[in-house]
């Protein structure tokens, strides 16, 4: 399993647990907000979960343009990779 696949697996696990969603509903093309039923407070929870699981800070503007789980995976993967290169 590649590092990216491990990151996606970890994301799916914590999203499923935190937001009580069946992992089968979490697909790259799925709409993040609709499937997780996110409201503004849930976005704060999501940010906290990301920061705790991947040890990087998230800015609100980072979510601009993230609509699908695939977008979300790419965001987290790019942040993890840039953190490792620093």
N, C-alpha and C. Protein backbone atom coordinates (compact mmCIF):
# COMPACT_ATOMS: atom_id res chain seq x y z
N UNK A 1 0.85 -1.18 0.00
CA UNK A 1 0.00 0.00 0.00
C UNK A 1 0.90 1.25 0.00
N UNK A 2 0.60 2.18 -0.89
CA UNK A 2 1.40 3.40 -0.98
C UNK A 2 1.06 4.35 0.17
N UNK A 3 1.89 5.35 0.35
CA UNK A 3 1.63 6.34 1.40
C UNK A 3 0.30 7.05 1.14
N UNK A 4 0.04 7.40 -0.12
CA UNK A 4 -1.23 8.07 -0.45
C UNK A 4 -2.42 7.18 -0.11
N UNK A 5 -2.32 5.90 -0.40
CA UNK A 5 -3.41 4.97 -0.09
C UNK A 5 -3.60 4.86 1.42
N UNK A 6 -2.51 4.88 2.17
CA UNK A 6 -2.60 4.84 3.63
C UNK A 6 -3.28 6.09 4.17
N UNK A 7 -2.94 7.25 3.60
CA UNK A 7 -3.56 8.50 4.02
C UNK A 7 -5.07 8.46 3.74
N UNK A 8 -5.45 8.01 2.55
CA UNK A 8 -6.88 7.93 2.19
C UNK A 8 -7.62 6.97 3.12
N UNK A 9 -7.00 5.85 3.43
CA UNK A 9 -7.62 4.88 4.34
C UNK A 9 -7.81 5.51 5.72
N UNK A 10 -6.82 6.24 6.19
CA UNK A 10 -6.90 6.91 7.50
C UNK A 10 -8.00 7.97 7.48
N UNK A 11 -8.07 8.75 6.40
CA UNK A 11 -9.12 9.77 6.26
C UNK A 11 -10.50 9.12 6.31
N UNK A 12 -10.69 8.08 5.52
CA UNK A 12 -11.99 7.40 5.48
C UNK A 12 -12.38 6.87 6.85
N UNK A 13 -11.39 6.33 7.57
CA UNK A 13 -11.67 5.79 8.90
C UNK A 13 -12.13 6.89 9.85
N UNK A 14 -11.37 7.99 9.93
CA UNK A 14 -11.77 9.01 10.91
C UNK A 14 -13.03 9.75 10.48
N UNK A 15 -13.28 9.91 9.18
CA UNK A 15 -14.54 10.53 8.76
C UNK A 15 -15.72 9.64 9.11
N UNK A 16 -15.58 8.36 8.88
CA UNK A 16 -16.63 7.41 9.18
C UNK A 16 -16.94 7.41 10.68
N UNK A 17 -15.90 7.40 11.50
CA UNK A 17 -16.09 7.39 12.95
C UNK A 17 -16.64 8.72 13.46
N UNK A 18 -16.02 9.81 13.07
CA UNK A 18 -16.38 11.14 13.59
C UNK A 18 -17.78 11.58 13.16
N UNK A 19 -18.14 11.29 11.91
CA UNK A 19 -19.42 11.78 11.37
C UNK A 19 -20.46 10.66 11.22
N UNK A 20 -20.13 9.47 11.72
CA UNK A 20 -21.06 8.33 11.73
C UNK A 20 -21.67 8.07 10.35
N UNK A 21 -20.77 7.91 9.38
CA UNK A 21 -21.17 7.65 8.00
C UNK A 21 -20.58 6.31 7.58
N UNK A 22 -21.38 5.52 6.86
CA UNK A 22 -20.90 4.25 6.33
C UNK A 22 -19.74 4.52 5.37
N UNK A 23 -18.63 3.80 5.56
CA UNK A 23 -17.44 3.99 4.70
C UNK A 23 -17.76 3.79 3.23
N UNK A 24 -18.75 2.98 2.92
CA UNK A 24 -19.11 2.73 1.52
C UNK A 24 -19.64 3.99 0.84
N UNK A 25 -20.14 4.95 1.61
CA UNK A 25 -20.66 6.21 1.04
C UNK A 25 -19.54 7.19 0.74
N UNK A 26 -18.35 6.94 1.29
CA UNK A 26 -17.22 7.85 1.12
C UNK A 26 -16.44 7.41 -0.13
N UNK A 27 -16.69 8.10 -1.23
CA UNK A 27 -16.02 7.79 -2.50
C UNK A 27 -15.37 9.06 -3.03
N UNK A 28 -14.32 8.94 -3.85
CA UNK A 28 -13.63 10.14 -4.35
C UNK A 28 -14.54 11.16 -5.02
N UNK A 29 -15.57 10.70 -5.71
CA UNK A 29 -16.45 11.63 -6.42
C UNK A 29 -17.62 12.11 -5.56
N UNK A 30 -17.77 11.55 -4.36
CA UNK A 30 -18.87 11.94 -3.47
C UNK A 30 -18.71 13.36 -2.94
N UNK A 31 -19.84 14.03 -2.73
CA UNK A 31 -19.84 15.40 -2.23
C UNK A 31 -19.61 15.38 -0.72
N UNK A 32 -18.52 15.99 -0.30
CA UNK A 32 -18.09 15.99 1.10
C UNK A 32 -19.17 16.56 2.02
N UNK A 33 -19.68 17.73 1.68
CA UNK A 33 -20.66 18.41 2.53
C UNK A 33 -21.97 17.62 2.62
N UNK A 34 -22.45 17.12 1.49
CA UNK A 34 -23.74 16.42 1.47
C UNK A 34 -23.68 15.08 2.20
N UNK A 35 -22.65 14.29 1.92
CA UNK A 35 -22.57 12.95 2.50
C UNK A 35 -22.31 13.01 4.00
N UNK A 36 -21.45 13.93 4.43
CA UNK A 36 -21.17 14.07 5.86
C UNK A 36 -22.19 14.96 6.57
N UNK A 37 -23.10 15.57 5.79
CA UNK A 37 -24.13 16.47 6.32
C UNK A 37 -23.48 17.56 7.18
N UNK A 38 -22.49 18.25 6.60
CA UNK A 38 -21.71 19.25 7.33
C UNK A 38 -22.44 20.58 7.44
N UNK A 39 -22.42 21.14 8.64
CA UNK A 39 -22.82 22.53 8.82
C UNK A 39 -21.57 23.28 9.29
N UNK A 40 -21.70 24.54 9.61
CA UNK A 40 -20.51 25.34 9.94
C UNK A 40 -19.78 24.80 11.16
N UNK A 41 -20.48 24.30 12.15
CA UNK A 41 -19.81 23.73 13.33
C UNK A 41 -19.10 22.42 12.99
N UNK A 42 -19.68 21.64 12.09
CA UNK A 42 -19.05 20.39 11.68
C UNK A 42 -17.72 20.64 10.97
N UNK A 43 -17.64 21.75 10.23
CA UNK A 43 -16.38 22.08 9.57
C UNK A 43 -15.28 22.31 10.61
N UNK A 44 -15.66 22.90 11.74
CA UNK A 44 -14.69 23.10 12.83
C UNK A 44 -14.23 21.74 13.35
N UNK A 45 -15.17 20.82 13.56
CA UNK A 45 -14.81 19.48 13.99
C UNK A 45 -13.90 18.80 12.98
N UNK A 46 -14.20 18.98 11.71
CA UNK A 46 -13.39 18.39 10.65
C UNK A 46 -11.96 18.93 10.70
N UNK A 47 -11.83 20.24 10.90
CA UNK A 47 -10.50 20.85 10.98
C UNK A 47 -9.73 20.28 12.17
N UNK A 48 -10.39 20.16 13.31
CA UNK A 48 -9.73 19.61 14.51
C UNK A 48 -9.27 18.18 14.25
N UNK A 49 -10.11 17.38 13.63
CA UNK A 49 -9.76 15.99 13.35
C UNK A 49 -8.56 15.92 12.40
N UNK A 50 -8.55 16.76 11.37
CA UNK A 50 -7.43 16.79 10.43
C UNK A 50 -6.14 17.16 11.17
N UNK A 51 -6.21 18.24 11.95
CA UNK A 51 -5.03 18.71 12.65
C UNK A 51 -4.50 17.66 13.63
N UNK A 52 -5.40 16.96 14.33
CA UNK A 52 -4.98 15.94 15.28
C UNK A 52 -4.41 14.70 14.60
N UNK A 53 -4.94 14.34 13.45
CA UNK A 53 -4.50 13.11 12.77
C UNK A 53 -3.28 13.31 11.89
N UNK A 54 -3.09 14.53 11.38
CA UNK A 54 -2.02 14.74 10.42
C UNK A 54 -1.01 15.82 10.83
N UNK A 55 -1.21 16.42 11.98
CA UNK A 55 -0.25 17.36 12.58
C UNK A 55 0.12 18.53 11.68
N UNK A 56 -0.87 19.15 11.06
CA UNK A 56 -0.66 20.42 10.37
C UNK A 56 -1.87 21.31 10.61
N UNK A 57 -1.65 22.61 10.54
CA UNK A 57 -2.72 23.58 10.77
C UNK A 57 -3.51 23.81 9.49
N UNK A 58 -4.81 23.94 9.64
CA UNK A 58 -5.72 24.17 8.52
C UNK A 58 -6.27 25.59 8.64
N UNK A 59 -6.24 26.31 7.53
CA UNK A 59 -6.83 27.65 7.49
C UNK A 59 -8.20 27.54 6.81
N UNK A 60 -9.15 28.36 7.23
CA UNK A 60 -10.49 28.28 6.61
C UNK A 60 -10.46 28.39 5.09
N UNK A 61 -9.58 29.25 4.56
CA UNK A 61 -9.53 29.42 3.11
C UNK A 61 -9.03 28.17 2.38
N UNK A 62 -8.41 27.23 3.14
CA UNK A 62 -7.96 25.98 2.53
C UNK A 62 -9.13 25.16 1.98
N UNK A 63 -10.33 25.39 2.52
CA UNK A 63 -11.49 24.62 2.07
C UNK A 63 -12.15 25.19 0.82
N UNK A 64 -11.68 26.34 0.37
CA UNK A 64 -12.20 26.91 -0.87
C UNK A 64 -11.87 25.96 -2.02
N UNK A 65 -12.88 25.53 -2.72
CA UNK A 65 -12.65 24.63 -3.86
C UNK A 65 -12.71 23.16 -3.50
N UNK A 66 -12.83 22.82 -2.23
CA UNK A 66 -12.95 21.40 -1.85
C UNK A 66 -14.43 21.06 -1.80
N UNK A 67 -14.87 20.27 -2.76
CA UNK A 67 -16.28 19.87 -2.77
C UNK A 67 -16.44 18.35 -2.67
N UNK A 68 -15.48 17.60 -3.19
CA UNK A 68 -15.60 16.13 -3.17
C UNK A 68 -14.57 15.54 -2.21
N UNK A 69 -14.78 14.27 -1.91
CA UNK A 69 -13.79 13.57 -1.08
C UNK A 69 -12.45 13.51 -1.80
N UNK A 70 -12.48 13.39 -3.12
CA UNK A 70 -11.24 13.39 -3.90
C UNK A 70 -10.47 14.68 -3.71
N UNK A 71 -11.17 15.82 -3.76
CA UNK A 71 -10.54 17.11 -3.50
C UNK A 71 -9.92 17.13 -2.11
N UNK A 72 -10.67 16.60 -1.15
CA UNK A 72 -10.22 16.57 0.24
C UNK A 72 -8.98 15.69 0.39
N UNK A 73 -9.00 14.50 -0.24
CA UNK A 73 -7.83 13.62 -0.20
C UNK A 73 -6.61 14.34 -0.76
N UNK A 74 -6.78 14.98 -1.92
CA UNK A 74 -5.66 15.68 -2.56
C UNK A 74 -5.11 16.79 -1.68
N UNK A 75 -6.00 17.51 -1.01
CA UNK A 75 -5.57 18.57 -0.11
C UNK A 75 -4.71 18.00 1.02
N UNK A 76 -5.23 16.98 1.70
CA UNK A 76 -4.50 16.40 2.83
C UNK A 76 -3.17 15.79 2.37
N UNK A 77 -3.20 15.06 1.26
CA UNK A 77 -1.98 14.43 0.75
C UNK A 77 -0.93 15.49 0.42
N UNK A 78 -1.35 16.58 -0.23
CA UNK A 78 -0.38 17.62 -0.59
C UNK A 78 0.19 18.29 0.66
N UNK A 79 -0.64 18.50 1.67
CA UNK A 79 -0.15 19.11 2.92
C UNK A 79 0.79 18.17 3.66
N UNK A 80 0.46 16.89 3.71
CA UNK A 80 1.35 15.91 4.37
C UNK A 80 2.68 15.84 3.63
N UNK A 81 2.63 15.79 2.29
CA UNK A 81 3.87 15.71 1.51
C UNK A 81 4.71 16.97 1.66
N UNK A 82 4.09 18.14 1.69
CA UNK A 82 4.87 19.38 1.82
C UNK A 82 5.46 19.49 3.22
N UNK A 83 4.76 18.95 4.21
CA UNK A 83 5.26 18.97 5.59
C UNK A 83 6.49 18.07 5.69
N UNK A 84 6.46 16.92 5.02
CA UNK A 84 7.58 15.98 5.06
C UNK A 84 8.81 16.53 4.34
N UNK A 85 8.59 17.37 3.33
CA UNK A 85 9.72 17.91 2.58
C UNK A 85 10.35 19.12 3.28
N UNK A 86 9.63 19.68 4.24
CA UNK A 86 10.16 20.87 4.94
C UNK A 86 11.27 20.52 5.92
